[in-house]
Amino acid sequence: MTLMDILFLIAIILGVILILLYFLNQWATRKYGAQQELIESSKITTDIFVLHKKKMRLKDANFPKAISNQIPKFYSFIKMPIIKAKLGNQIVSLICDKKIFKKITTNKKYKIQLAGIYILDFANKPKQKN
């Protein structure tokens, strides 16, 4: 095999990898769009009182069995931002986004948008200090 043959094989392999990544991206974009539609259709605005916040594994967050069984297995090894909050007269564990997790402080009441157990955003944005 000459150097040109090796370079030609590398170019073909890189081309195949790029094509596979393109189709994987298209598939992920469609899946993300479908999930966003589902989240938007099920979101509600509610008040919570934050008791505790911590990054922990989902299996340590004391979610009910019905929820724990629906969570994909690879998420059980990842630490996620979990908030323990009083929602109505119940104390629940909620998952939130990293940027929301940074803004939330404990022992404070917030008006949030909630979809299932996932905190989407603040209903009324907290004022940032300049």
Protein backbone atom coordinates (compact mmCIF):
# COMPACT_ATOMS: atom_id res chain seq x y z
CA MET A 1 0.00 0.00 0.00
CA THR A 2 1.27 3.39 -0.90
CA LEU A 3 0.84 6.61 0.96
CA MET A 4 -1.91 7.70 -1.46
CA ASP A 5 -3.89 4.52 -0.74
CA ILE A 6 -3.68 5.10 3.00
CA LEU A 7 -4.74 8.74 2.67
CA PHE A 8 -7.64 7.70 0.40
CA LEU A 9 -8.85 5.16 3.01
CA ILE A 10 -8.60 7.75 5.78
CA ALA A 11 -10.58 10.23 3.67
CA ILE A 12 -13.32 7.63 3.02
CA ILE A 13 -13.51 6.72 6.72
CA LEU A 14 -13.74 10.40 7.73
CA GLY A 15 -16.46 10.95 5.11
CA VAL A 16 -18.51 8.03 6.47
CA ILE A 17 -18.09 9.31 10.05
CA LEU A 18 -19.24 12.80 9.03
CA ILE A 19 -22.30 11.40 7.25
CA LEU A 20 -23.20 9.30 10.31
CA LEU A 21 -22.82 12.32 12.59
CA TYR A 22 -25.08 14.36 10.30
CA PHE A 23 -27.88 11.78 10.43
CA LEU A 24 -27.43 11.33 14.19
CA ASN A 25 -27.78 15.10 14.61
CA GLN A 26 -30.97 15.12 12.52
CA TRP A 27 -32.43 12.29 14.63
CA ALA A 28 -31.52 14.05 17.91
CA THR A 29 -33.03 17.33 16.69
CA ARG A 30 -36.35 15.66 15.86
CA LYS A 31 -36.42 13.88 19.22
CA TYR A 32 -35.61 17.11 21.09
CA GLY A 33 -38.37 18.96 19.23
CA ALA A 34 -40.92 16.32 20.16
CA GLN A 35 -39.87 16.46 23.82
CA GLN A 36 -40.07 20.26 23.88
CA GLU A 37 -43.63 20.13 22.50
CA LEU A 38 -44.59 17.68 25.24
CA ILE A 39 -42.99 19.85 27.93
CA GLU A 40 -44.67 23.03 26.64
CA SER A 41 -48.08 21.35 26.62
CA SER A 42 -47.78 20.12 30.21
CA LYS A 43 -46.21 23.10 31.98
CA ILE A 44 -47.99 24.82 34.84
CA THR A 45 -47.19 27.85 36.98
CA THR A 46 -47.04 27.25 40.71
CA ASP A 47 -45.52 28.52 43.95
CA ILE A 48 -42.84 26.57 45.80
CA PHE A 49 -40.91 27.13 49.00
CA VAL A 50 -37.35 25.83 48.60
CA LEU A 51 -36.20 23.80 51.60
CA HIS A 52 -32.96 22.27 50.34
CA LYS A 53 -30.90 22.13 47.17
CA LYS A 54 -28.10 19.75 46.30
CA LYS A 55 -26.45 17.98 43.39
CA MET A 56 -27.04 14.27 43.82
CA ARG A 57 -27.69 11.07 41.92
CA LEU A 58 -31.30 10.43 41.00
CA LYS A 59 -31.39 7.14 42.90
CA ASP A 60 -30.43 9.04 46.09
CA ALA A 61 -33.10 11.72 45.62
CA ASN A 62 -35.97 9.56 46.98
CA PHE A 63 -38.22 9.77 43.93
CA PRO A 64 -41.27 7.48 43.91
CA LYS A 65 -40.85 4.05 42.26
CA ALA A 66 -43.08 5.04 39.33
CA ILE A 67 -40.75 7.92 38.48
CA SER A 68 -37.55 5.99 39.19
CA ASN A 69 -38.57 3.24 36.77
CA GLN A 70 -39.18 5.72 33.92
CA ILE A 71 -35.81 7.48 34.22
CA PRO A 72 -33.18 6.10 31.78
CA LYS A 73 -30.51 3.96 33.45
CA PHE A 74 -27.54 6.12 32.41
CA TYR A 75 -28.97 9.04 34.44
CA SER A 76 -28.56 7.02 37.64
CA PHE A 77 -24.77 7.61 37.50
CA ILE A 78 -24.93 11.36 36.79
CA LYS A 79 -25.26 13.93 39.57
CA MET A 80 -28.14 16.27 38.80
CA PRO A 81 -29.37 19.46 40.49
CA ILE A 82 -32.17 18.39 42.85
CA ILE A 83 -34.34 20.76 44.87
CA LYS A 84 -36.44 19.69 47.85
CA ALA A 85 -39.38 22.05 48.01
CA LYS A 86 -42.73 22.44 49.64
CA LEU A 87 -45.36 22.37 46.91
CA GLY A 88 -48.76 23.02 48.44
CA ASN A 89 -48.79 20.85 51.54
CA GLN A 90 -46.35 18.23 50.20
CA ILE A 91 -42.57 18.11 50.27
CA VAL A 92 -41.33 16.98 46.85
CA SER A 93 -38.02 16.50 45.06
CA LEU A 94 -37.70 18.41 41.79
CA ILE A 95 -35.09 18.40 39.03
CA CYS A 96 -34.00 21.71 37.54
CA ASP A 97 -31.65 23.23 35.02
CA LYS A 98 -28.13 24.25 36.12
CA LYS A 99 -28.69 27.97 35.52
CA ILE A 100 -31.92 27.92 37.55
CA PHE A 101 -30.18 25.88 40.26
CA LYS A 102 -27.58 28.64 40.66
CA LYS A 103 -30.22 31.38 41.04
CA ILE A 104 -32.41 29.58 43.58
CA THR A 105 -31.61 30.04 47.25
CA THR A 106 -32.95 28.01 50.15
CA ASN A 107 -35.71 29.15 52.52
CA LYS A 108 -37.27 31.39 49.90
CA LYS A 109 -40.57 31.30 48.01
CA TYR A 110 -40.56 31.27 44.18
CA LYS A 111 -43.17 31.29 41.44
CA ILE A 112 -41.97 28.78 38.84
CA GLN A 113 -43.04 26.98 35.68
CA LEU A 114 -43.16 23.26 36.34
CA ALA A 115 -43.57 20.31 33.95
CA GLY A 116 -43.93 17.11 35.95
CA ILE A 117 -40.89 17.05 38.25
CA TYR A 118 -38.78 19.38 36.08
CA ILE A 119 -38.47 23.09 36.85
CA LEU A 120 -38.46 24.89 33.52
CA ASP A 121 -38.08 28.53 34.47
CA PHE A 122 -39.16 31.24 36.85
CA ALA A 123 -42.66 32.57 36.21
CA ASN A 124 -41.56 36.04 37.23
CA LYS A 125 -37.84 36.52 36.78
CA PRO A 126 -35.92 37.38 39.98
CA LYS A 127 -34.14 40.71 39.89
CA GLN A 128 -30.39 40.41 39.38
CA LYS A 129 -28.02 42.58 41.39
CA ASN A 130 -25.77 44.80 39.27
